[in-house]
Amino acid sequence: MSYVTERDGSALVRVRLQPRSKRDEIVGEREGALVVRVSAPPVDGKANAALCRLLAKRAGIAPGRASVVKGTSSRDKLVRLDGLAAADAGELLA
């Protein structure tokens, strides 16, 4: 998976976020990023929180172990999944 890398024992996932969708879902891969849709609006960090919850659930980790480390106010984000190897993250999120 070209959208997942690993650093310091955590998976880093490049994400293209689409807020205000009908449902929370992982759509697939496009241009080297995982495309994710969330129903939350992009205000007060609600879309970022929904993104972290969705990725954590799919990866089987606690929601507090997923965080946006780059692009908090952009559609293109870098999400850190603590304690998860890149290979495992790629399989779980695909």
Protein backbone atom coordinates (compact mmCIF):
# COMPACT_ATOMS: atom_id res chain seq x y z
CA MET A 1 0.00 0.00 0.00
CA SER A 2 1.64 3.20 -1.14
CA TYR A 3 -0.34 5.33 1.32
CA VAL A 4 1.11 3.63 4.43
CA THR A 5 4.62 4.12 5.84
CA GLU A 6 6.15 3.30 9.19
CA ARG A 7 8.13 5.45 11.61
CA ASP A 8 9.05 4.90 15.26
CA GLY A 9 6.87 1.79 15.56
CA SER A 10 3.73 3.50 14.27
CA ALA A 11 1.96 3.46 10.92
CA LEU A 12 1.59 6.77 9.07
CA VAL A 13 -1.37 6.85 6.68
CA ARG A 14 -1.83 9.47 3.96
CA VAL A 15 -5.53 10.30 3.77
CA ARG A 16 -7.75 12.35 1.47
CA LEU A 17 -10.76 13.28 3.61
CA GLN A 18 -14.22 14.09 2.28
CA PRO A 19 -16.38 15.55 5.09
CA ARG A 20 -20.18 15.90 5.13
CA SER A 21 -20.75 12.59 3.41
CA LYS A 22 -23.82 10.41 3.90
CA ARG A 23 -21.88 7.87 5.98
CA ASP A 24 -18.46 7.14 7.45
CA GLU A 25 -16.55 4.84 5.10
CA ILE A 26 -13.21 4.04 3.55
CA VAL A 27 -13.67 4.33 -0.20
CA GLY A 28 -10.32 3.11 -1.53
CA GLU A 29 -7.03 4.47 -2.79
CA ARG A 30 -6.48 7.38 -5.15
CA GLU A 31 -3.23 9.11 -6.11
CA GLY A 32 -1.24 7.60 -3.25
CA ALA A 33 -3.77 8.40 -0.51
CA LEU A 34 -6.52 6.49 1.26
CA VAL A 35 -9.86 8.12 0.43
CA VAL A 36 -12.11 8.38 3.49
CA ARG A 37 -15.58 9.88 3.79
CA VAL A 38 -17.08 11.02 7.09
CA SER A 39 -20.48 12.48 7.87
CA ALA A 40 -19.08 15.05 10.31
CA PRO A 41 -18.67 18.67 9.18
CA PRO A 42 -15.18 20.20 8.91
CA VAL A 43 -15.65 22.55 11.87
CA ASP A 44 -14.10 22.49 15.35
CA GLY A 45 -12.11 19.35 14.52
CA LYS A 46 -15.23 17.18 14.18
CA ALA A 47 -14.21 15.68 10.82
CA ASN A 48 -10.70 14.94 12.10
CA ALA A 49 -12.11 13.23 15.20
CA ALA A 50 -14.49 11.14 13.06
CA LEU A 51 -11.59 10.20 10.78
CA CYS A 52 -9.47 9.05 13.73
CA ARG A 53 -12.35 7.04 15.22
CA LEU A 54 -13.03 5.32 11.88
CA LEU A 55 -9.40 4.42 11.19
CA ALA A 56 -8.85 3.22 14.77
CA LYS A 57 -11.92 1.01 14.59
CA ARG A 58 -10.85 -0.54 11.28
CA ALA A 59 -7.29 -1.04 12.57
CA GLY A 60 -8.49 -2.59 15.82
CA ILE A 61 -6.80 -0.06 18.10
CA ALA A 62 -8.11 2.33 20.74
CA PRO A 63 -9.38 5.65 19.31
CA GLY A 64 -6.86 7.55 21.41
CA ARG A 65 -4.01 5.87 19.52
CA ALA A 66 -5.01 7.52 16.21
CA SER A 67 -4.15 11.16 15.61
CA VAL A 68 -3.84 13.64 12.76
CA VAL A 69 -0.20 14.75 12.71
CA LYS A 70 -0.25 16.88 9.56
CA GLY A 71 -2.97 18.69 7.62
CA THR A 72 -5.48 19.37 10.38
CA SER A 73 -7.18 22.07 8.28
CA SER A 74 -6.62 20.44 4.89
CA ARG A 75 -8.33 17.62 3.01
CA ASP A 76 -4.97 15.88 2.65
CA LYS A 77 -3.86 14.55 6.03
CA LEU A 78 -1.26 12.35 7.65
CA VAL A 79 -2.69 10.13 10.38
CA ARG A 80 -0.53 8.31 12.92
CA LEU A 81 -1.71 4.92 14.21
CA ASP A 82 0.40 4.24 17.31
CA GLY A 83 1.75 0.75 17.87
CA LEU A 84 0.69 -0.61 14.48
CA ALA A 85 3.10 -1.82 11.79
CA ALA A 86 2.70 -0.42 8.29
CA ALA A 87 2.07 -3.87 6.77
CA ASP A 88 -0.69 -4.59 9.31
CA ALA A 89 -2.26 -1.17 8.77
CA GLY A 90 -2.26 -1.65 5.01
CA GLU A 91 -4.10 -4.95 5.31
CA LEU A 92 -6.62 -3.73 7.88
CA LEU A 93 -7.50 -0.49 6.09
CA ALA A 94 -7.67 -1.87 2.53
